[in-house]
C-alpha atoms as a PDB file:
ATOM      1  CA  MET A   1       0.000   0.000   0.000  1.00  0.00           C
ATOM      2  CA  LYS A   2       1.310   3.403  -0.956  1.00  0.00           C
ATOM      3  CA  ILE A   3       1.324   5.989   1.852  1.00  0.00           C
ATOM      4  CA  ILE A   4       2.409   9.619   1.626  1.00  0.00           C
ATOM      5  CA  CYS A   5       3.307  11.669   4.717  1.00  0.00           C
ATOM      6  CA  TRP A   6       3.470  15.343   3.854  1.00  0.00           C
ATOM      7  CA  ASN A   7       4.275  18.505   5.771  1.00  0.00           C
ATOM      8  CA  VAL A   8       2.099  20.835   3.678  1.00  0.00           C
ATOM      9  CA  ARG A   9       3.086  23.987   5.627  1.00  0.00           C
ATOM     10  CA  GLY A  10      -0.403  25.442   5.421  1.00  0.00           C
ATOM     11  CA  LEU A  11      -3.414  24.914   3.148  1.00  0.00           C
ATOM     12  CA  GLY A  12      -4.864  28.379   3.455  1.00  0.00           C
ATOM     13  CA  ASN A  13      -4.284  29.485  -0.132  1.00  0.00           C
ATOM     14  CA  LEU A  14      -5.582  28.190  -3.456  1.00  0.00           C
ATOM     15  CA  ARG A  15      -2.157  27.694  -5.045  1.00  0.00           C
ATOM     16  CA  THR A  16      -1.068  25.273  -2.338  1.00  0.00           C
ATOM     17  CA  VAL A  17      -4.323  23.324  -2.609  1.00  0.00           C
ATOM     18  CA  ARG A  18      -3.911  23.035  -6.389  1.00  0.00           C
ATOM     19  CA  ARG A  19      -0.364  21.792  -5.956  1.00  0.00           C
ATOM     20  CA  LEU A  20      -1.584  19.275  -3.403  1.00  0.00           C
ATOM     21  CA  TRP A  21      -4.335  18.049  -5.736  1.00  0.00           C
ATOM     22  CA  PHE A  22      -1.872  17.686  -8.617  1.00  0.00           C
ATOM     23  CA  SER A  23       0.647  15.693  -6.544  1.00  0.00           C
ATOM     24  CA  LEU A  24      -1.990  13.357  -5.110  1.00  0.00           C
ATOM     25  CA  LYS A  25      -3.378  12.711  -8.577  1.00  0.00           C
ATOM     26  CA  GLN A  26       0.128  12.001  -9.825  1.00  0.00           C
ATOM     27  CA  HIS A  27       1.099   9.542  -7.054  1.00  0.00           C
ATOM     28  CA  ASN A  28      -2.383   8.144  -6.242  1.00  0.00           C
ATOM     29  CA  PRO A  29      -1.666   6.982  -2.656  1.00  0.00           C
ATOM     30  CA  LYS A  30      -4.092   4.818  -0.679  1.00  0.00           C
ATOM     31  CA  MET A  31      -3.477   6.847   2.490  1.00  0.00           C
ATOM     32  CA  VAL A  32      -2.065  10.294   3.268  1.00  0.00           C
ATOM     33  CA  PHE A  33      -0.963  11.917   6.512  1.00  0.00           C
ATOM     34  CA  PHE A  34      -0.871  15.724   6.394  1.00  0.00           C
ATOM     35  CA  MET A  35       0.976  17.917   8.906  1.00  0.00           C
ATOM     36  CA  GLU A  36       0.916  21.666   9.542  1.00  0.00           C
ATOM     37  CA  THR A  37      -2.384  22.165   7.731  1.00  0.00           C
ATOM     38  CA  LYS A  38      -2.786  25.449   9.685  1.00  0.00           C
ATOM     39  CA  ILE A  39      -6.559  25.390   9.151  1.00  0.00           C
ATOM     40  CA  ASP A  40      -9.573  24.227  11.176  1.00  0.00           C
ATOM     41  CA  ASP A  41     -11.013  20.725  10.837  1.00  0.00           C
ATOM     42  CA  LYS A  42     -14.069  21.812   8.782  1.00  0.00           C
ATOM     43  CA  HIS A  43     -11.868  23.535   6.202  1.00  0.00           C
ATOM     44  CA  MET A  44      -9.535  20.543   6.105  1.00  0.00           C
ATOM     45  CA  GLU A  45     -12.451  18.176   5.499  1.00  0.00           C
ATOM     46  CA  LYS A  46     -13.515  20.194   2.440  1.00  0.00           C
ATOM     47  CA  ILE A  47     -10.010  20.135   0.979  1.00  0.00           C
ATOM     48  CA  ARG A  48      -9.623  16.429   1.724  1.00  0.00           C
ATOM     49  CA  ARG A  49     -12.879  15.607  -0.074  1.00  0.00           C
ATOM     50  CA  ARG A  50     -11.924  17.829  -2.994  1.00  0.00           C
ATOM     51  CA  CYS A  51      -8.765  15.742  -3.344  1.00  0.00           C
ATOM     52  CA  GLY A  52     -10.831  12.541  -3.545  1.00  0.00           C
ATOM     53  CA  PHE A  53     -10.551  11.304   0.048  1.00  0.00           C
ATOM     54  CA  VAL A  54     -14.039  10.863   1.478  1.00  0.00           C
ATOM     55  CA  ASN A  55     -12.723   9.092   4.572  1.00  0.00           C
ATOM     56  CA  GLY A  56     -10.514  10.914   7.035  1.00  0.00           C
ATOM     57  CA  ILE A  57      -9.705  12.135  10.534  1.00  0.00           C
ATOM     58  CA  ASP A  58      -9.172  15.888  10.747  1.00  0.00           C
ATOM     59  CA  VAL A  59      -7.550  17.562  13.753  1.00  0.00           C
ATOM     60  CA  GLY A  60      -7.764  21.330  13.438  1.00  0.00           C
ATOM     61  CA  ALA A  61      -4.943  23.786  13.977  1.00  0.00           C
ATOM     62  CA  ASN A  62      -4.527  25.698  17.232  1.00  0.00           C
ATOM     63  CA  ASP A  63      -4.588  29.421  16.422  1.00  0.00           C
ATOM     64  CA  SER A  64      -3.353  28.722  12.883  1.00  0.00           C
ATOM     65  CA  GLN A  65      -0.504  26.561  14.182  1.00  0.00           C
ATOM     66  CA  GLY A  66      -0.168  22.836  13.646  1.00  0.00           C
ATOM     67  CA  GLY A  67      -3.129  20.861  12.375  1.00  0.00           C
ATOM     68  CA  ILE A  68      -2.984  17.246  11.159  1.00  0.00           C
ATOM     69  CA  CYS A  69      -5.130  14.980   9.006  1.00  0.00           C
ATOM     70  CA  LEU A  70      -5.188  11.292   8.092  1.00  0.00           C
ATOM     71  CA  ALA A  71      -7.069  10.493   4.868  1.00  0.00           C
ATOM     72  CA  TRP A  72      -7.613   7.133   3.172  1.00  0.00           C
ATOM     73  CA  ARG A  73      -9.326   5.487   0.218  1.00  0.00           C
ATOM     74  CA  LYS A  74     -12.411   3.330   0.607  1.00  0.00           C
ATOM     75  CA  GLU A  75     -10.434   0.174  -0.311  1.00  0.00           C
ATOM     76  CA  ILE A  76      -8.955  -0.015   3.200  1.00  0.00           C
ATOM     77  CA  THR A  77     -10.564  -0.119   6.634  1.00  0.00           C
ATOM     78  CA  VAL A  78      -9.228   2.206   9.331  1.00  0.00           C
ATOM     79  CA  SER A  79     -10.119   2.034  13.029  1.00  0.00           C
ATOM     80  CA  LEU A  80      -9.184   4.949  15.277  1.00  0.00           C
ATOM     81  CA  LYS A  81      -7.316   4.084  18.475  1.00  0.00           C
ATOM     82  CA  ALA A  82      -6.443   7.559  19.749  1.00  0.00           C
ATOM     83  CA  PHE A  83      -5.516  11.038  18.595  1.00  0.00           C
ATOM     84  CA  SER A  84      -4.215  14.370  19.859  1.00  0.00           C
ATOM     85  CA  LYS A  85      -3.000  17.639  18.366  1.00  0.00           C
ATOM     86  CA  ASN A  86       0.258  15.842  17.600  1.00  0.00           C
ATOM     87  CA  HIS A  87      -0.677  12.323  16.528  1.00  0.00           C
ATOM     88  CA  ILE A  88      -3.290  10.017  15.012  1.00  0.00           C
ATOM     89  CA  ASP A  89      -3.070   6.340  16.005  1.00  0.00           C
ATOM     90  CA  VAL A  90      -5.069   3.828  13.921  1.00  0.00           C
ATOM     91  CA  LEU A  91      -5.372   0.151  13.018  1.00  0.00           C
ATOM     92  CA  ILE A  92      -5.550  -0.744   9.332  1.00  0.00           C
ATOM     93  CA  GLU A  93      -7.077  -3.690   7.513  1.00  0.00           C
ATOM     94  CA  GLU A  94      -6.290  -4.476   3.872  1.00  0.00           C
ATOM     95  CA  SER A  95      -7.891  -7.128   1.706  1.00  0.00           C
ATOM     96  CA  ASN A  96      -4.504  -8.455   0.546  1.00  0.00           C
ATOM     97  CA  VAL A  97      -2.811  -8.417   3.980  1.00  0.00           C
ATOM     98  CA  SER A  98      -3.428 -10.937   6.741  1.00  0.00           C
ATOM     99  CA  GLY A  99      -4.372  -9.295  10.041  1.00  0.00           C
ATOM    100  CA  GLU A 100      -4.386  -5.677  11.176  1.00  0.00           C
ATOM    101  CA  TRP A 101      -1.358  -3.429  11.345  1.00  0.00           C
ATOM    102  CA  ARG A 102      -0.820  -0.151  13.128  1.00  0.00           C
ATOM    103  CA  PHE A 103      -0.097   3.281  11.700  1.00  0.00           C
ATOM    104  CA  ILE A 104       0.851   6.310  13.795  1.00  0.00           C
ATOM    105  CA  GLY A 105       0.893   9.667  12.072  1.00  0.00           C
ATOM    106  CA  PHE A 106       3.057  11.778  14.353  1.00  0.00           C
ATOM    107  CA  TYR A 107       3.879  15.478  14.195  1.00  0.00           C
ATOM    108  CA  GLY A 108       6.698  16.258  16.618  1.00  0.00           C
ATOM    109  CA  LEU A 109       6.799  19.733  18.088  1.00  0.00           C
ATOM    110  CA  PRO A 110       9.617  21.597  16.286  1.00  0.00           C
ATOM    111  CA  TYR A 111      10.641  23.788  19.226  1.00  0.00           C
ATOM    112  CA  VAL A 112      13.558  22.802  21.446  1.00  0.00           C
ATOM    113  CA  SER A 113      11.546  23.437  24.605  1.00  0.00           C
ATOM    114  CA  ASN A 114       8.906  20.901  23.508  1.00  0.00           C
ATOM    115  CA  GLN A 115      11.103  18.107  22.157  1.00  0.00           C
ATOM    116  CA  SER A 116      11.098  16.118  25.390  1.00  0.00           C
ATOM    117  CA  ALA A 117       7.291  16.061  25.382  1.00  0.00           C
ATOM    118  CA  SER A 118       7.304  14.795  21.792  1.00  0.00           C
ATOM    119  CA  TRP A 119       9.684  11.941  22.512  1.00  0.00           C
ATOM    120  CA  ASN A 120       7.824  11.037  25.699  1.00  0.00           C
ATOM    121  CA  LEU A 121       4.622  10.725  23.676  1.00  0.00           C
ATOM    122  CA  LEU A 122       6.329   8.497  21.106  1.00  0.00           C
ATOM    123  CA  ARG A 123       7.857   6.376  23.849  1.00  0.00           C
ATOM    124  CA  MET A 124       4.432   5.885  25.415  1.00  0.00           C
ATOM    125  CA  LEU A 125       2.858   4.968  22.055  1.00  0.00           C
ATOM    126  CA  GLY A 126       5.643   2.461  21.438  1.00  0.00           C
ATOM    127  CA  GLU A 127       4.875   0.488  24.595  1.00  0.00           C
ATOM    128  CA  GLU A 128       2.141  -1.441  22.772  1.00  0.00           C
ATOM    129  CA  GLN A 129       3.812  -4.131  20.636  1.00  0.00           C
ATOM    130  CA  ARG A 130       0.872  -6.298  19.537  1.00  0.00           C
ATOM    131  CA  TYR A 131       0.889  -5.138  15.910  1.00  0.00           C
ATOM    132  CA  SER A 132       3.316  -4.530  13.085  1.00  0.00           C
ATOM    133  CA  TRP A 133       3.497  -0.774  12.941  1.00  0.00           C
ATOM    134  CA  LEU A 134       4.642   2.191  10.940  1.00  0.00           C
ATOM    135  CA  VAL A 135       5.439   5.614  12.374  1.00  0.00           C
ATOM    136  CA  SER A 136       5.811   8.806  10.334  1.00  0.00           C
ATOM    137  CA  ASP A 137       7.702  11.718  11.885  1.00  0.00           C
ATOM    138  CA  ASN A 138       7.257  15.301  10.615  1.00  0.00           C
ATOM    139  CA  GLY A 139       7.234  14.076   7.027  1.00  0.00           C
ATOM    140  CA  THR A 140      11.020  14.070   7.076  1.00  0.00           C
ATOM    141  CA  SER A 141      12.236  10.539   7.602  1.00  0.00           C
ATOM    142  CA  TYR A 142      11.287   6.905   7.910  1.00  0.00           C
ATOM    143  CA  LYS A 143      13.577   4.690   9.936  1.00  0.00           C
ATOM    144  CA  ARG A 144      13.966   1.084  10.889  1.00  0.00           C
ATOM    145  CA  SER A 145      17.468   1.559  12.248  1.00  0.00           C
ATOM    146  CA  PRO A 146      19.745   4.600  12.686  1.00  0.00           C
ATOM    147  CA  ARG A 147      21.478   3.656   9.424  1.00  0.00           C
ATOM    148  CA  PHE A 148      18.483   4.327   7.169  1.00  0.00           C
ATOM    149  CA  LYS A 149      16.994   7.755   6.488  1.00  0.00           C
ATOM    150  CA  PHE A 150      14.402   8.392   3.809  1.00  0.00           C
ATOM    151  CA  GLU A 151      14.586  11.857   2.263  1.00  0.00           C
ATOM    152  CA  ALA A 152      11.169  13.533   2.250  1.00  0.00           C
ATOM    153  CA  ARG A 153      11.767  15.104  -1.173  1.00  0.00           C
ATOM    154  CA  TRP A 154      12.153  11.651  -2.763  1.00  0.00           C
ATOM    155  CA  ILE A 155       8.396  11.021  -2.623  1.00  0.00           C
ATOM    156  CA  LEU A 156       7.848  13.862  -5.117  1.00  0.00           C
ATOM    157  CA  GLU A 157       9.963  12.199  -7.811  1.00  0.00           C
ATOM    158  CA  GLU A 158       7.768  10.602 -10.473  1.00  0.00           C
ATOM    159  CA  LEU A 159       9.692   7.314 -10.716  1.00  0.00           C
ATOM    160  CA  ILE A 160      10.331   6.773  -6.985  1.00  0.00           C
ATOM    161  CA  GLU A 161       7.927   3.830  -6.721  1.00  0.00           C
ATOM    162  CA  ARG A 162       9.604   2.023  -9.608  1.00  0.00           C
ATOM    163  CA  GLU A 163      13.049   2.521  -8.084  1.00  0.00           C
ATOM    164  CA  ILE A 164      11.934   1.246  -4.665  1.00  0.00           C
ATOM    165  CA  LYS A 165      10.385  -1.897  -6.147  1.00  0.00           C
ATOM    166  CA  LYS A 166      13.421  -2.509  -8.343  1.00  0.00           C
ATOM    167  CA  SER A 167      15.850  -2.267  -5.424  1.00  0.00           C
ATOM    168  CA  TRP A 168      13.687  -4.245  -3.009  1.00  0.00           C
ATOM    169  CA  GLU A 169      13.088  -7.139  -5.410  1.00  0.00           C
ATOM    170  CA  SER A 170      16.722  -7.362  -6.510  1.00  0.00           C
ATOM    171  CA  SER A 171      18.286  -7.469  -3.018  1.00  0.00           C
ATOM    172  CA  ASN A 172      18.491 -10.405  -0.609  1.00  0.00           C
ATOM    173  CA  GLY A 173      18.997 -10.827   3.110  1.00  0.00           C
ATOM    174  CA  SER A 174      17.224  -9.522   6.186  1.00  0.00           C
ATOM    175  CA  ILE A 175      14.891  -6.527   6.289  1.00  0.00           C
ATOM    176  CA  SER A 176      17.719  -4.412   7.690  1.00  0.00           C
ATOM    177  CA  GLU A 177      20.073  -5.488   4.886  1.00  0.00           C
ATOM    178  CA  LYS A 178      17.442  -4.795   2.240  1.00  0.00           C
ATOM    179  CA  LEU A 179      16.880  -1.337   3.705  1.00  0.00           C
ATOM    180  CA  GLU A 180      20.608  -0.615   3.551  1.00  0.00           C
ATOM    181  CA  SER A 181      20.636  -1.666  -0.088  1.00  0.00           C
ATOM    182  CA  LEU A 182      17.580   0.483  -0.744  1.00  0.00           C
ATOM    183  CA  GLN A 183      19.247   3.546   0.761  1.00  0.00           C
ATOM    184  CA  VAL A 184      22.305   3.115  -1.444  1.00  0.00           C
ATOM    185  CA  SER A 185      20.165   2.612  -4.552  1.00  0.00           C
ATOM    186  CA  LEU A 186      17.953   5.616  -3.871  1.00  0.00           C
ATOM    187  CA  THR A 187      20.868   7.904  -3.041  1.00  0.00           C
ATOM    188  CA  ARG A 188      22.608   6.937  -6.291  1.00  0.00           C
ATOM    189  CA  TRP A 189      19.377   7.360  -8.272  1.00  0.00           C
ATOM    190  CA  VAL A 190      18.561  10.795  -6.836  1.00  0.00           C
ATOM    191  CA  SER A 191      22.101  11.968  -7.549  1.00  0.00           C
ATOM    192  CA  SER A 192      21.786  10.855 -11.172  1.00  0.00           C
ATOM    193  CA  ILE A 193      18.593  12.840 -11.784  1.00  0.00           C
ATOM    194  CA  LYS A 194      19.650  16.052 -10.012  1.00  0.00           C
ATOM    195  CA  LYS A 195      21.104  17.607 -13.176  1.00  0.00           C
ATOM    196  CA  GLY A 196      17.963  16.711 -15.064  1.00  0.00           C
ATOM    197  CA  ARG A 197      15.825  18.429 -12.410  1.00  0.00           C
ATOM    198  CA  ASP A 198      17.890  21.614 -12.626  1.00  0.00           C
ATOM    199  CA  GLY A 199      17.427  21.617 -16.393  1.00  0.00           C
ATOM    200  CA  LEU A 200      13.703  20.981 -16.029  1.00  0.00           C
ATOM    201  CA  LYS A 201      13.275  24.008 -13.765  1.00  0.00           C
ATOM    202  CA  LYS A 202      14.955  26.229 -16.355  1.00  0.00           C
ATOM    203  CA  LYS A 203      12.807  24.745 -19.128  1.00  0.00           C
ATOM    204  CA  LEU A 204       9.567  25.220 -17.176  1.00  0.00           C
ATOM    205  CA  THR A 205      10.512  28.789 -16.231  1.00  0.00           C
ATOM    206  CA  LYS A 206      11.099  29.598 -19.896  1.00  0.00           C
ATOM    207  CA  GLU A 207       7.819  27.961 -20.966  1.00  0.00           C
ATOM    208  CA  LEU A 208       5.941  29.833 -18.258  1.00  0.00           C
ATOM    209  CA  GLY A 209       7.332  33.150 -19.474  1.00  0.00           C
ATOM    210  CA  ILE A 210       6.222  32.426 -23.043  1.00  0.00           C
ATOM    211  CA  LEU A 211       2.745  31.397 -21.918  1.00  0.00           C
ATOM    212  CA  MET A 212       2.377  34.502 -19.746  1.00  0.00           C
ATOM    213  CA  GLU A 213       3.046  36.698 -22.793  1.00  0.00           C
ATOM    214  CA  SER A 214       0.701  34.737 -25.088  1.00  0.00           C
ATOM    215  CA  GLU A 215      -2.868  35.718 -25.845  1.00  0.00           C
ATOM    216  CA  LYS A 216      -5.029  33.977 -23.271  1.00  0.00           C
ATOM    217  CA  ASP A 217      -7.583  31.398 -24.372  1.00  0.00           C
ATOM    218  CA  ASP A 218      -8.803  28.180 -22.744  1.00  0.00           C
ATOM    219  CA  ASP A 219      -5.946  26.104 -24.150  1.00  0.00           C
ATOM    220  CA  ILE A 220      -3.260  28.598 -23.104  1.00  0.00           C
ATOM    221  CA  MET A 221      -4.784  28.950 -19.613  1.00  0.00           C
ATOM    222  CA  GLU A 222      -4.792  25.180 -19.153  1.00  0.00           C
ATOM    223  CA  LYS A 223      -1.144  24.944 -20.227  1.00  0.00           C
ATOM    224  CA  LEU A 224      -0.231  27.903 -18.005  1.00  0.00           C
ATOM    225  CA  ILE A 225      -1.787  26.324 -14.912  1.00  0.00           C
ATOM    226  CA  HIS A 226      -0.182  22.958 -15.664  1.00  0.00           C
ATOM    227  CA  THR A 227       3.282  24.471 -16.245  1.00  0.00           C
ATOM    228  CA  ARG A 228       3.089  26.670 -13.148  1.00  0.00           C
ATOM    229  CA  THR A 229       2.020  23.700 -11.007  1.00  0.00           C
ATOM    230  CA  ARG A 230       4.910  21.554 -12.289  1.00  0.00           C
ATOM    231  CA  LEU A 231       7.373  24.371 -11.585  1.00  0.00           C
ATOM    232  CA  ASN A 232       5.974  24.839  -8.076  1.00  0.00           C
ATOM    233  CA  ILE A 233       6.451  21.127  -7.417  1.00  0.00           C
ATOM    234  CA  GLU A 234      10.101  21.300  -8.498  1.00  0.00           C
ATOM    235  CA  ILE A 235      10.633  24.329  -6.257  1.00  0.00           C
ATOM    236  CA  ASN A 236       8.883  22.491  -3.423  1.00  0.00           C
ATOM    237  CA  LYS A 237      11.368  19.623  -3.723  1.00  0.00           C
ATOM    238  CA  ASP A 238      14.229  22.034  -3.051  1.00  0.00           C
ATOM    239  CA  GLU A 239      12.383  23.652  -0.136  1.00  0.00           C
ATOM    240  CA  MET A 240      11.691  20.237   1.369  1.00  0.00           C
ATOM    241  CA  TYR A 241      15.374  19.297   1.118  1.00  0.00           C
ATOM    242  CA  TRP A 242      16.603  22.403   2.949  1.00  0.00           C
ATOM    243  CA  LYS A 243      13.884  22.131   5.565  1.00  0.00           C
ATOM    244  CA  GLN A 244      14.946  18.568   6.300  1.00  0.00           C
ATOM    245  CA  ARG A 245      18.560  19.647   6.634  1.00  0.00           C
ATOM    246  CA  ALA A 246      17.460  22.277   9.170  1.00  0.00           C
ATOM    247  CA  ARG A 247      15.780  19.555  11.249  1.00  0.00           C
ATOM    248  CA  ALA A 248      18.813  17.257  11.207  1.00  0.00           C
ATOM    249  CA  ASN A 249      19.857  18.054  14.771  1.00  0.00           C
ATOM    250  CA  TRP A 250      16.330  17.432  16.020  1.00  0.00           C
ATOM    251  CA  LEU A 251      16.285  14.013  14.395  1.00  0.00           C
ATOM    252  CA  GLN A 252      19.728  13.120  15.739  1.00  0.00           C
ATOM    253  CA  LEU A 253      18.509  13.921  19.236  1.00  0.00           C
ATOM    254  CA  GLY A 254      15.602  11.577  18.683  1.00  0.00           C
ATOM    255  CA  ASP A 255      17.888   8.775  17.538  1.00  0.00           C
ATOM    256  CA  LYS A 256      19.359   8.683  21.042  1.00  0.00           C
ATOM    257  CA  ASN A 257      15.971   7.961  22.579  1.00  0.00           C
ATOM    258  CA  LEU A 258      13.813   5.984  20.159  1.00  0.00           C
ATOM    259  CA  ALA A 259      14.035   4.029  16.882  1.00  0.00           C
ATOM    260  CA  PHE A 260      11.303   4.199  14.268  1.00  0.00           C
ATOM    261  CA  PHE A 261      10.209   0.823  12.906  1.00  0.00           C
ATOM    262  CA  ILE A 262       8.850   0.423   9.418  1.00  0.00           C
ATOM    263  CA  ASN A 263       7.258  -2.675   7.887  1.00  0.00           C
ATOM    264  CA  MET A 264       8.697  -2.114   4.420  1.00  0.00           C
ATOM    265  CA  PRO A 265       7.100  -5.089   2.609  1.00  0.00           C
ATOM    266  CA  GLN A 266       3.603  -3.750   3.322  1.00  0.00           C
ATOM    267  CA  LEU A 267       4.488  -0.462   1.651  1.00  0.00           C
ATOM    268  CA  ILE A 268       6.320  -1.916  -1.315  1.00  0.00           C
ATOM    269  CA  GLU A 269       3.729  -4.575  -2.327  1.00  0.00           C
END
């Protein structure tokens, strides 16, 4: 099952919602965990439904800060265990998977003064070990051991799913060994496409300039919106990278207290 965990950094403007809709249509995940929606639960429900997710749990922002949402397709069954302003804890049933498994969408408080509270909450949630479980943290990394870190920006690359499946199916050994192989493969792959991404941004910027100067009709407007959305997504990849680098110290502090466990086969199919 494909899951996307995304720090959207606010859904209060139309451009961000359009970019969200475009990315979800492109990747077509079965479940999505949003963080930092910065809107109330009623507004979030409308956006979620507009993006094609009828089912969801919306936790509104507190004075335009925070806000989380878990949304899923009708093909899976989700049972709520608990939630707060910082997490949503559910059990999931899939038709092609035997038994339930646990998902915790977690948004850790980014401020130094609140980090202890965040890790205490995660430690408490981790005391229950009856289910295989997946934890997302701030949309920045997935971990099974301190040696594996998943870059948040990778999920926005169009061919990421193909690369994950290719690496996973071609490697042998334990889950930990397969994850190490996956990290090496993904790092090499992302490095190889970086130049292409830089060239694409220049190409899209040029196309956008031409379209902006063209006489506007329905066809031109459609191309303009499409080109602008693609350019915004490329820019968002860079923003996501630098934001993750800024959180590196926070994540390293967490590594000293708690490991995140990920059931990779369930995500890879």
